[in-house]
Amino acid sequence: GLYLYEIGTRDAGLASAGWAARADDAGTLATNPAGLARLTQ
């Protein structure tokens, strides 16, 4: 088995760059759960 960065979010279009820091949509709960706190909607 292996880990995949392609999980059905926009991160695939970045080749995973910014994985744990972009934190601008709900997909951040998988890439960095702390990012949820900066969402406003």
Full PDB file with SEQRES, HELIX, SHEET, SSBOND, CRYST1, ORIGX, SCALE, CONECT and MASTER records, all heavy atoms in Angstrom:
SEQRES   1 A   41  GLY LEU TYR LEU TYR GLU ILE GLY THR ARG ASP ALA GLY          
SEQRES   2 A   41  LEU ALA SER ALA GLY TRP ALA ALA ARG ALA ASP ASP ALA          
SEQRES   3 A   41  GLY THR LEU ALA THR ASN PRO ALA GLY LEU ALA ARG LEU          
SEQRES   4 A   41  THR GLN                                                      
HELIX    1 AA1 ARG A   10  LEU A   14  5                                   5    
HELIX    2 AA2 THR A   28  THR A   31  1                                   4    
HELIX    3 AA3 PRO A   33  ARG A   38  5                                   6    
CRYST1    1.000    1.000    1.000  90.00  90.00  90.00 P 1           1          
ORIGX1      1.000000  0.000000  0.000000        0.00000                         
ORIGX2      0.000000  1.000000  0.000000        0.00000                         
ORIGX3      0.000000  0.000000  1.000000        0.00000                         
SCALE1      1.000000  0.000000  0.000000        0.00000                         
SCALE2      0.000000  1.000000  0.000000        0.00000                         
SCALE3      0.000000  0.000000  1.000000        0.00000                         
ATOM      1  N   GLY A   1       0.835  -1.180   0.000  1.00  0.00           N  
ATOM      2  CA  GLY A   1       0.000   0.000   0.000  1.00  0.00           C  
ATOM      3  C   GLY A   1       0.870   1.229   0.000  1.00  0.00           C  
ATOM      4  O   GLY A   1       2.071   1.155   0.214  1.00  0.00           O  
ATOM      5  N   LEU A   2       0.299   2.398  -0.219  1.00  0.00           N  
ATOM      6  CA  LEU A   2       1.043   3.634  -0.179  1.00  0.00           C  
ATOM      7  C   LEU A   2       0.092   4.784   0.077  1.00  0.00           C  
ATOM      8  O   LEU A   2      -1.094   4.711  -0.197  1.00  0.00           O  
ATOM      9  CB  LEU A   2       1.804   3.854  -1.482  1.00  0.00           C  
ATOM     10  CG  LEU A   2       1.027   4.212  -2.741  1.00  0.00           C  
ATOM     11  CD1 LEU A   2       1.960   4.804  -3.782  1.00  0.00           C  
ATOM     12  CD2 LEU A   2       0.358   2.985  -3.332  1.00  0.00           C  
ATOM     13  N   TYR A   3       0.654   5.842   0.653  1.00  0.00           N  
ATOM     14  CA  TYR A   3      -0.118   7.058   0.844  1.00  0.00           C  
ATOM     15  C   TYR A   3      -0.293   7.783  -0.485  1.00  0.00           C  
ATOM     16  O   TYR A   3       0.617   7.836  -1.305  1.00  0.00           O  
ATOM     17  CB  TYR A   3       0.586   7.992   1.813  1.00  0.00           C  
ATOM     18  CG  TYR A   3       0.423   7.656   3.266  1.00  0.00           C  
ATOM     19  CD1 TYR A   3       1.508   7.665   4.135  1.00  0.00           C  
ATOM     20  CD2 TYR A   3      -0.827   7.347   3.791  1.00  0.00           C  
ATOM     21  CE1 TYR A   3       1.362   7.371   5.470  1.00  0.00           C  
ATOM     22  CE2 TYR A   3      -0.991   7.038   5.120  1.00  0.00           C  
ATOM     23  CZ  TYR A   3       0.119   7.063   5.964  1.00  0.00           C  
ATOM     24  OH  TYR A   3      -0.040   6.769   7.294  1.00  0.00           O  
ATOM     25  N   LEU A   4      -1.455   8.393  -0.667  1.00  0.00           N  
ATOM     26  CA  LEU A   4      -1.735   9.206  -1.833  1.00  0.00           C  
ATOM     27  C   LEU A   4      -2.061  10.625  -1.385  1.00  0.00           C  
ATOM     28  O   LEU A   4      -2.699  10.828  -0.347  1.00  0.00           O  
ATOM     29  CB  LEU A   4      -2.920   8.640  -2.617  1.00  0.00           C  
ATOM     30  CG  LEU A   4      -2.720   7.287  -3.297  1.00  0.00           C  
ATOM     31  CD1 LEU A   4      -4.048   6.769  -3.821  1.00  0.00           C  
ATOM     32  CD2 LEU A   4      -1.717   7.406  -4.430  1.00  0.00           C  
ATOM     33  N   TYR A   5      -1.630  11.603  -2.159  1.00  0.00           N  
ATOM     34  CA  TYR A   5      -1.984  12.993  -1.911  1.00  0.00           C  
ATOM     35  C   TYR A   5      -3.255  13.380  -2.666  1.00  0.00           C  
ATOM     36  O   TYR A   5      -3.802  14.456  -2.440  1.00  0.00           O  
ATOM     37  CB  TYR A   5      -0.842  13.915  -2.340  1.00  0.00           C  
ATOM     38  CG  TYR A   5       0.456  13.672  -1.607  1.00  0.00           C  
ATOM     39  CD1 TYR A   5       1.431  12.832  -2.136  1.00  0.00           C  
ATOM     40  CD2 TYR A   5       0.719  14.281  -0.384  1.00  0.00           C  
ATOM     41  CE1 TYR A   5       2.627  12.609  -1.478  1.00  0.00           C  
ATOM     42  CE2 TYR A   5       1.911  14.068   0.295  1.00  0.00           C  
ATOM     43  CZ  TYR A   5       2.862  13.232  -0.260  1.00  0.00           C  
ATOM     44  OH  TYR A   5       4.050  12.999   0.404  1.00  0.00           O  
ATOM     45  N   GLU A   6      -3.702  12.511  -3.555  1.00  0.00           N  
ATOM     46  CA  GLU A   6      -4.890  12.777  -4.367  1.00  0.00           C  
ATOM     47  C   GLU A   6      -6.121  12.226  -3.641  1.00  0.00           C  
ATOM     48  O   GLU A   6      -6.398  11.030  -3.695  1.00  0.00           O  
ATOM     49  CB  GLU A   6      -4.732  12.138  -5.745  1.00  0.00           C  
ATOM     50  CG  GLU A   6      -3.614  12.742  -6.575  1.00  0.00           C  
ATOM     51  CD  GLU A   6      -2.216  12.310  -6.150  1.00  0.00           C  
ATOM     52  OE1 GLU A   6      -2.078  11.189  -5.623  1.00  0.00           O  
ATOM     53  OE2 GLU A   6      -1.260  13.092  -6.327  1.00  0.00           O  
ATOM     54  N   ILE A   7      -6.856  13.100  -2.945  1.00  0.00           N  
ATOM     55  CA  ILE A   7      -7.970  12.658  -2.092  1.00  0.00           C  
ATOM     56  C   ILE A   7      -9.292  13.319  -2.467  1.00  0.00           C  
ATOM     57  O   ILE A   7     -10.234  13.330  -1.673  1.00  0.00           O  
ATOM     58  CB  ILE A   7      -7.653  12.915  -0.603  1.00  0.00           C  
ATOM     59  CG1 ILE A   7      -7.379  14.401  -0.358  1.00  0.00           C  
ATOM     60  CG2 ILE A   7      -6.482  12.054  -0.145  1.00  0.00           C  
ATOM     61  CD1 ILE A   7      -7.234  14.763   1.116  1.00  0.00           C  
ATOM     62  N   GLY A   8      -9.375  13.876  -3.680  1.00  0.00           N  
ATOM     63  CA  GLY A   8     -10.620  14.502  -4.105  1.00  0.00           C  
ATOM     64  C   GLY A   8     -10.723  15.965  -3.727  1.00  0.00           C  
ATOM     65  O   GLY A   8     -11.831  16.488  -3.567  1.00  0.00           O  
ATOM     66  N   THR A   9      -9.579  16.656  -3.594  1.00  0.00           N  
ATOM     67  CA  THR A   9      -9.556  18.092  -3.310  1.00  0.00           C  
ATOM     68  C   THR A   9      -8.702  18.802  -4.363  1.00  0.00           C  
ATOM     69  O   THR A   9      -8.075  18.177  -5.207  1.00  0.00           O  
ATOM     70  CB  THR A   9      -8.972  18.377  -1.913  1.00  0.00           C  
ATOM     71  OG1 THR A   9      -7.595  17.952  -1.889  1.00  0.00           O  
ATOM     72  CG2 THR A   9      -9.754  17.628  -0.838  1.00  0.00           C  
ATOM     73  N   ARG A  10      -8.634  20.133  -4.261  1.00  0.00           N  
ATOM     74  CA  ARG A  10      -7.836  20.919  -5.208  1.00  0.00           C  
ATOM     75  C   ARG A  10      -6.335  20.701  -5.044  1.00  0.00           C  
ATOM     76  O   ARG A  10      -5.547  21.114  -5.891  1.00  0.00           O  
ATOM     77  CB  ARG A  10      -8.145  22.410  -5.042  1.00  0.00           C  
ATOM     78  CG  ARG A  10      -9.498  22.831  -5.551  1.00  0.00           C  
ATOM     79  CD  ARG A  10      -9.572  24.334  -5.808  1.00  0.00           C  
ATOM     80  NE  ARG A  10      -9.128  25.130  -4.682  1.00  0.00           N  
ATOM     81  CZ  ARG A  10      -7.993  25.839  -4.670  1.00  0.00           C  
ATOM     82  NH1 ARG A  10      -7.176  25.816  -5.713  1.00  0.00           N  
ATOM     83  NH2 ARG A  10      -7.667  26.554  -3.614  1.00  0.00           N  
ATOM     84  N   ASP A  11      -5.911  20.068  -3.944  1.00  0.00           N  
ATOM     85  CA  ASP A  11      -4.484  19.863  -3.702  1.00  0.00           C  
ATOM     86  C   ASP A  11      -3.807  19.099  -4.833  1.00  0.00           C  
ATOM     87  O   ASP A  11      -2.607  19.262  -5.065  1.00  0.00           O  
ATOM     88  CB  ASP A  11      -4.285  19.113  -2.381  1.00  0.00           C  
ATOM     89  CG  ASP A  11      -4.804  19.904  -1.192  1.00  0.00           C  
ATOM     90  OD1 ASP A  11      -4.067  20.774  -0.705  1.00  0.00           O  
ATOM     91  OD2 ASP A  11      -5.949  19.659  -0.775  1.00  0.00           O  
ATOM     92  N   ALA A  12      -4.561  18.239  -5.540  1.00  0.00           N  
ATOM     93  CA  ALA A  12      -3.970  17.482  -6.647  1.00  0.00           C  
ATOM     94  C   ALA A  12      -3.438  18.411  -7.737  1.00  0.00           C  
ATOM     95  O   ALA A  12      -2.441  18.111  -8.389  1.00  0.00           O  
ATOM     96  CB  ALA A  12      -5.000  16.520  -7.236  1.00  0.00           C  
ATOM     97  N   GLY A  13      -4.089  19.553  -7.944  1.00  0.00           N  
ATOM     98  CA  GLY A  13      -3.635  20.510  -8.948  1.00  0.00           C  
ATOM     99  C   GLY A  13      -2.397  21.279  -8.547  1.00  0.00           C  
ATOM    100  O   GLY A  13      -1.834  22.028  -9.345  1.00  0.00           O  
ATOM    101  N   LEU A  14      -1.955  21.081  -7.293  1.00  0.00           N  
ATOM    102  CA  LEU A  14      -0.730  21.696  -6.793  1.00  0.00           C  
ATOM    103  C   LEU A  14       0.359  20.668  -6.545  1.00  0.00           C  
ATOM    104  O   LEU A  14       1.411  20.990  -5.987  1.00  0.00           O  
ATOM    105  CB  LEU A  14      -1.025  22.441  -5.486  1.00  0.00           C  
ATOM    106  CG  LEU A  14      -1.856  23.710  -5.615  1.00  0.00           C  
ATOM    107  CD1 LEU A  14      -2.548  24.037  -4.289  1.00  0.00           C  
ATOM    108  CD2 LEU A  14      -0.985  24.870  -6.062  1.00  0.00           C  
ATOM    109  N   ALA A  15       0.119  19.409  -6.925  1.00  0.00           N  
ATOM    110  CA  ALA A  15       1.026  18.301  -6.621  1.00  0.00           C  
ATOM    111  C   ALA A  15       1.292  18.221  -5.124  1.00  0.00           C  
ATOM    112  O   ALA A  15       2.368  17.828  -4.704  1.00  0.00           O  
ATOM    113  CB  ALA A  15       2.333  18.428  -7.397  1.00  0.00           C  
ATOM    114  N   SER A  16       0.310  18.644  -4.322  1.00  0.00           N  
ATOM    115  CA  SER A  16       0.315  18.619  -2.857  1.00  0.00           C  
ATOM    116  C   SER A  16       1.044  19.799  -2.225  1.00  0.00           C  
ATOM    117  O   SER A  16       1.080  19.914  -0.998  1.00  0.00           O  
ATOM    118  CB  SER A  16       0.910  17.318  -2.293  1.00  0.00           C  
ATOM    119  OG  SER A  16       2.323  17.320  -2.352  1.00  0.00           O  
ATOM    120  N   ALA A  17       1.651  20.699  -2.996  1.00  0.00           N  
ATOM    121  CA  ALA A  17       2.363  21.841  -2.424  1.00  0.00           C  
ATOM    122  C   ALA A  17       1.423  22.685  -1.560  1.00  0.00           C  
ATOM    123  O   ALA A  17       0.281  22.933  -1.933  1.00  0.00           O  
ATOM    124  CB  ALA A  17       2.971  22.689  -3.536  1.00  0.00           C  
ATOM    125  N   GLY A  18       1.893  23.106  -0.405  1.00  0.00           N  
ATOM    126  CA  GLY A  18       1.064  23.854   0.531  1.00  0.00           C  
ATOM    127  C   GLY A  18       0.103  22.988   1.314  1.00  0.00           C  
ATOM    128  O   GLY A  18      -0.814  23.483   1.966  1.00  0.00           O  
ATOM    129  N   TRP A  19       0.326  21.678   1.288  1.00  0.00           N  
ATOM    130  CA  TRP A  19      -0.564  20.668   1.880  1.00  0.00           C  
ATOM    131  C   TRP A  19      -1.089  21.067   3.258  1.00  0.00           C  
ATOM    132  O   TRP A  19      -2.298  21.043   3.517  1.00  0.00           O  
ATOM    133  CB  TRP A  19       0.193  19.352   1.946  1.00  0.00           C  
ATOM    134  CG  TRP A  19      -0.504  18.169   2.526  1.00  0.00           C  
ATOM    135  CD1 TRP A  19      -0.403  17.714   3.815  1.00  0.00           C  
ATOM    136  CD2 TRP A  19      -1.392  17.260   1.855  1.00  0.00           C  
ATOM    137  NE1 TRP A  19      -1.153  16.570   3.983  1.00  0.00           N  
ATOM    138  CE2 TRP A  19      -1.764  16.275   2.789  1.00  0.00           C  
ATOM    139  CE3 TRP A  19      -1.881  17.175   0.556  1.00  0.00           C  
ATOM    140  CZ2 TRP A  19      -2.622  15.221   2.475  1.00  0.00           C  
ATOM    141  CZ3 TRP A  19      -2.733  16.126   0.234  1.00  0.00           C  
ATOM    142  CH2 TRP A  19      -3.092  15.171   1.177  1.00  0.00           C  
ATOM    143  N   ALA A  20      -0.203  21.416   4.181  1.00  0.00           N  
ATOM    144  CA  ALA A  20      -0.604  21.673   5.563  1.00  0.00           C  
ATOM    145  C   ALA A  20      -0.736  23.156   5.888  1.00  0.00           C  
ATOM    146  O   ALA A  20      -1.038  23.508   7.033  1.00  0.00           O  
ATOM    147  CB  ALA A  20       0.406  21.035   6.526  1.00  0.00           C  
ATOM    148  N   ALA A  21      -0.526  24.043   4.891  1.00  0.00           N  
ATOM    149  CA  ALA A  21      -0.540  25.475   5.163  1.00  0.00           C  
ATOM    150  C   ALA A  21      -1.592  26.242   4.371  1.00  0.00           C  
ATOM    151  O   ALA A  21      -1.981  27.337   4.783  1.00  0.00           O  
ATOM    152  CB  ALA A  21       0.839  26.074   4.891  1.00  0.00           C  
ATOM    153  N   ARG A  22      -2.049  25.707   3.232  1.00  0.00           N  
ATOM    154  CA  ARG A  22      -3.004  26.450   2.403  1.00  0.00           C  
ATOM    155  C   ARG A  22      -4.292  26.708   3.167  1.00  0.00           C  
ATOM    156  O   ARG A  22      -4.775  27.844   3.227  1.00  0.00           O  
ATOM    157  CB  ARG A  22      -3.281  25.677   1.108  1.00  0.00           C  
ATOM    158  CG  ARG A  22      -3.944  26.484   0.024  1.00  0.00           C  
ATOM    159  CD  ARG A  22      -3.948  25.728  -1.292  1.00  0.00           C  
ATOM    160  NE  ARG A  22      -4.574  24.426  -1.185  1.00  0.00           N  
ATOM    161  CZ  ARG A  22      -5.892  24.224  -1.228  1.00  0.00           C  
ATOM    162  NH1 ARG A  22      -6.711  25.255  -1.378  1.00  0.00           N  
ATOM    163  NH2 ARG A  22      -6.387  23.004  -1.140  1.00  0.00           N  
ATOM    164  N   ALA A  23      -4.904  25.683   3.713  1.00  0.00           N  
ATOM    165  CA  ALA A  23      -6.001  25.814   4.689  1.00  0.00           C  
ATOM    166  C   ALA A  23      -7.066  26.825   4.286  1.00  0.00           C  
ATOM    167  O   ALA A  23      -7.461  27.679   5.092  1.00  0.00           O  
ATOM    168  CB  ALA A  23      -5.419  26.186   6.064  1.00  0.00           C  
ATOM    169  N   ASP A  24      -7.563  26.738   3.044  1.00  0.00           N  
ATOM    170  CA  ASP A  24      -8.585  27.700   2.628  1.00  0.00           C  
ATOM    171  C   ASP A  24      -9.890  27.043   2.208  1.00  0.00           C  
ATOM    172  O   ASP A  24     -10.751  27.695   1.620  1.00  0.00           O  
ATOM    173  CB  ASP A  24      -8.042  28.594   1.501  1.00  0.00           C  
ATOM    174  CG  ASP A  24      -7.829  27.847   0.191  1.00  0.00           C  
ATOM    175  OD1 ASP A  24      -7.914  26.601   0.194  1.00  0.00           O  
ATOM    176  OD2 ASP A  24      -7.568  28.514  -0.831  1.00  0.00           O  
ATOM    177  N   ASP A  25     -10.061  25.732   2.496  1.00  0.00           N  
ATOM    178  CA  ASP A  25     -11.336  25.084   2.233  1.00  0.00           C  
ATOM    179  C   ASP A  25     -11.511  23.912   3.198  1.00  0.00           C  
ATOM    180  O   ASP A  25     -10.623  23.614   4.010  1.00  0.00           O  
ATOM    181  CB  ASP A  25     -11.450  24.624   0.773  1.00  0.00           C  
ATOM    182  CG  ASP A  25     -10.362  23.651   0.356  1.00  0.00           C  
ATOM    183  OD1 ASP A  25     -10.002  22.773   1.168  1.00  0.00           O  
ATOM    184  OD2 ASP A  25      -9.874  23.754  -0.792  1.00  0.00           O  
ATOM    185  N   ALA A  26     -12.656  23.241   3.119  1.00  0.00           N  
ATOM    186  CA  ALA A  26     -12.978  22.179   4.074  1.00  0.00           C  
ATOM    187  C   ALA A  26     -12.045  20.984   3.987  1.00  0.00           C  
ATOM    188  O   ALA A  26     -11.915  20.210   4.947  1.00  0.00           O  
ATOM    189  CB  ALA A  26     -14.425  21.718   3.860  1.00  0.00           C  
ATOM    190  N   GLY A  27     -11.336  20.816   2.849  1.00  0.00           N  
ATOM    191  CA  GLY A  27     -10.399  19.717   2.713  1.00  0.00           C  
ATOM    192  C   GLY A  27      -9.233  19.791   3.677  1.00  0.00           C  
ATOM    193  O   GLY A  27      -8.524  18.802   3.870  1.00  0.00           O  
ATOM    194  N   THR A  28      -9.043  20.957   4.312  1.00  0.00           N  
ATOM    195  CA  THR A  28      -7.951  21.097   5.270  1.00  0.00           C  
ATOM    196  C   THR A  28      -8.104  20.158   6.461  1.00  0.00           C  
ATOM    197  O   THR A  28      -7.120  19.861   7.138  1.00  0.00           O  
ATOM    198  CB  THR A  28      -7.841  22.558   5.765  1.00  0.00           C  
ATOM    199  OG1 THR A  28      -6.650  22.691   6.550  1.00  0.00           O  
ATOM    200  CG2 THR A  28      -9.034  22.934   6.616  1.00  0.00           C  
ATOM    201  N   LEU A  29      -9.301  19.652   6.723  1.00  0.00           N  
ATOM    202  CA  LEU A  29      -9.456  18.735   7.859  1.00  0.00           C  
ATOM    203  C   LEU A  29      -8.638  17.469   7.661  1.00  0.00           C  
ATOM    204  O   LEU A  29      -8.216  16.830   8.632  1.00  0.00           O  
ATOM    205  CB  LEU A  29     -10.923  18.415   8.120  1.00  0.00           C  
ATOM    206  CG  LEU A  29     -11.718  17.564   7.122  1.00  0.00           C  
ATOM    207  CD1 LEU A  29     -11.576  16.070   7.391  1.00  0.00           C  
ATOM    208  CD2 LEU A  29     -13.197  17.949   7.193  1.00  0.00           C  
ATOM    209  N   ALA A  30      -8.359  17.091   6.398  1.00  0.00           N  
ATOM    210  CA  ALA A  30      -7.527  15.920   6.126  1.00  0.00           C  
ATOM    211  C   ALA A  30      -6.053  16.275   6.062  1.00  0.00           C  
ATOM    212  O   ALA A  30      -5.198  15.462   6.418  1.00  0.00           O  
ATOM    213  CB  ALA A  30      -7.953  15.263   4.816  1.00  0.00           C  
ATOM    214  N   THR A  31      -5.715  17.483   5.589  1.00  0.00           N  
ATOM    215  CA  THR A  31      -4.321  17.859   5.379  1.00  0.00           C  
ATOM    216  C   THR A  31      -3.708  18.585   6.563  1.00  0.00           C  
ATOM    217  O   THR A  31      -2.503  18.495   6.787  1.00  0.00           O  
ATOM    218  CB  THR A  31      -4.192  18.735   4.129  1.00  0.00           C  
ATOM    219  OG1 THR A  31      -4.958  19.940   4.316  1.00  0.00           O  
ATOM    220  CG2 THR A  31      -4.729  17.999   2.900  1.00  0.00           C  
ATOM    221  N   ASN A  32      -4.509  19.321   7.314  1.00  0.00           N  
ATOM    222  CA  ASN A  32      -4.099  19.961   8.569  1.00  0.00           C  
ATOM    223  C   ASN A  32      -5.352  20.376   9.324  1.00  0.00           C  
ATOM    224  O   ASN A  32      -5.958  21.403   9.005  1.00  0.00           O  
ATOM    225  CB  ASN A  32      -3.212  21.172   8.315  1.00  0.00           C  
ATOM    226  CG  ASN A  32      -2.724  21.808   9.621  1.00  0.00           C  
ATOM    227  OD1 ASN A  32      -3.164  21.447  10.709  1.00  0.00           O  
ATOM    228  ND2 ASN A  32      -1.809  22.756   9.507  1.00  0.00           N  
ATOM    229  N   PRO A  33      -5.781  19.595  10.313  1.00  0.00           N  
ATOM    230  CA  PRO A  33      -7.034  19.896  11.014  1.00  0.00           C  
ATOM    231  C   PRO A  33      -7.071  21.288  11.639  1.00  0.00           C  
ATOM    232  O   PRO A  33      -8.156  21.852  11.828  1.00  0.00           O  
ATOM    233  CB  PRO A  33      -7.088  18.807  12.099  1.00  0.00           C  
ATOM    234  CG  PRO A  33      -6.296  17.673  11.545  1.00  0.00           C  
ATOM    235  CD  PRO A  33      -5.182  18.319  10.763  1.00  0.00           C  
ATOM    236  N   ALA A  34      -5.909  21.869  11.946  1.00  0.00           N  
ATOM    237  CA  ALA A  34      -5.890  23.202  12.546  1.00  0.00           C  
ATOM    238  C   ALA A  34      -6.447  24.260  11.607  1.00  0.00           C  
ATOM    239  O   ALA A  34      -6.930  25.306  12.049  1.00  0.00           O  
ATOM    240  CB  ALA A  34      -4.459  23.568  12.952  1.00  0.00           C  
ATOM    241  N   GLY A  35      -6.404  24.005  10.305  1.00  0.00           N  
ATOM    242  CA  GLY A  35      -6.863  24.982   9.331  1.00  0.00           C  
ATOM    243  C   GLY A  35      -8.351  25.253   9.372  1.00  0.00           C  
ATOM    244  O   GLY A  35      -8.810  26.290   8.871  1.00  0.00           O  
ATOM    245  N   LEU A  36      -9.135  24.342   9.959  1.00  0.00           N  
ATOM    246  CA  LEU A  36     -10.582  24.569  10.030  1.00  0.00           C  
ATOM    247  C   LEU A  36     -10.922  25.858  10.777  1.00  0.00           C  
ATOM    248  O   LEU A  36     -11.906  26.538  10.453  1.00  0.00           O  
ATOM    249  CB  LEU A  36     -11.256  23.393  10.748  1.00  0.00           C  
ATOM    250  CG  LEU A  36     -11.437  22.087   9.975  1.00  0.00           C  
ATOM    251  CD1 LEU A  36     -12.137  21.064  10.853  1.00  0.00           C  
ATOM    252  CD2 LEU A  36     -12.220  22.303   8.692  1.00  0.00           C  
ATOM    253  N   ALA A  37     -10.119  26.219  11.778  1.00  0.00           N  
ATOM    254  CA  ALA A  37     -10.438  27.367  12.628  1.00  0.00           C  
ATOM    255  C   ALA A  37     -10.357  28.697  11.879  1.00  0.00           C  
ATOM    256  O   ALA A  37     -10.892  29.699  12.357  1.00  0.00           O  
ATOM    257  CB  ALA A  37      -9.512  27.394  13.838  1.00  0.00           C  
ATOM    258  N   ARG A  38      -9.717  28.739  10.720  1.00  0.00           N  
ATOM    259  CA  ARG A  38      -9.627  29.998   9.986  1.00  0.00           C  
ATOM    260  C   ARG A  38     -10.731  30.139   8.935  1.00  0.00           C  
ATOM    261  O   ARG A  38     -10.817  31.172   8.266  1.00  0.00           O  
ATOM    262  CB  ARG A  38      -8.239  30.159   9.359  1.00  0.00           C  
ATOM    263  CG  ARG A  38      -7.901  29.206   8.242  1.00  0.00           C  
ATOM    264  CD  ARG A  38      -6.502  29.523   7.683  1.00  0.00           C  
ATOM    265  NE  ARG A  38      -6.397  30.905   7.278  1.00  0.00           N  
ATOM    266  CZ  ARG A  38      -6.760  31.380   6.096  1.00  0.00           C  
ATOM    267  NH1 ARG A  38      -7.292  30.562   5.183  1.00  0.00           N  
ATOM    268  NH2 ARG A  38      -6.628  32.654   5.812  1.00  0.00           N  
ATOM    269  N   LEU A  39     -11.599  29.129   8.781  1.00  0.00           N  
ATOM    270  CA  LEU A  39     -12.712  29.238   7.846  1.00  0.00           C  
ATOM    271  C   LEU A  39     -13.825  30.074   8.466  1.00  0.00           C  
ATOM    272  O   LEU A  39     -14.111  29.964   9.661  1.00  0.00           O  
ATOM    273  CB  LEU A  39     -13.238  27.849   7.477  1.00  0.00           C  
ATOM    274  CG  LEU A  39     -12.217  26.871   6.873  1.00  0.00           C  
ATOM    275  CD1 LEU A  39     -12.901  25.566   6.485  1.00  0.00           C  
ATOM    276  CD2 LEU A  39     -11.505  27.488   5.674  1.00  0.00           C  
ATOM    277  N   THR A  40     -14.478  30.882   7.646  1.00  0.00           N  
ATOM    278  CA  THR A  40     -15.497  31.806   8.154  1.00  0.00           C  
ATOM    279  C   THR A  40     -16.916  31.415   7.758  1.00  0.00           C  
ATOM    280  O   THR A  40     -17.874  32.006   8.250  1.00  0.00           O  
ATOM    281  CB  THR A  40     -15.225  33.232   7.644  1.00  0.00           C  
ATOM    282  OG1 THR A  40     -15.215  33.230   6.209  1.00  0.00           O  
ATOM    283  CG2 THR A  40     -13.878  33.727   8.154  1.00  0.00           C  
ATOM    284  N   GLN A  41     -17.063  30.435   6.865  1.00  0.00           N  
ATOM    285  CA  GLN A  41     -18.383  29.999   6.418  1.00  0.00           C  
ATOM    286  C   GLN A  41     -18.469  28.484   6.414  1.00  0.00           C  
ATOM    287  O   GLN A  41     -17.454  27.801   6.213  1.00  0.00           O  
ATOM    288  CB  GLN A  41     -18.655  30.480   4.980  1.00  0.00           C  
ATOM    289  CG  GLN A  41     -18.780  31.966   4.795  1.00  0.00           C  
ATOM    290  CD  GLN A  41     -18.955  32.297   3.320  1.00  0.00           C  
ATOM    291  OE1 GLN A  41     -17.983  32.538   2.609  1.00  0.00           O  
ATOM    292  NE2 GLN A  41     -20.193  32.308   2.853  1.00  0.00           N  
TER     293      GLN A  41                                                      
MASTER        0    0    0    3    0    0    0    6  292    1    0    4          
END                                                                             
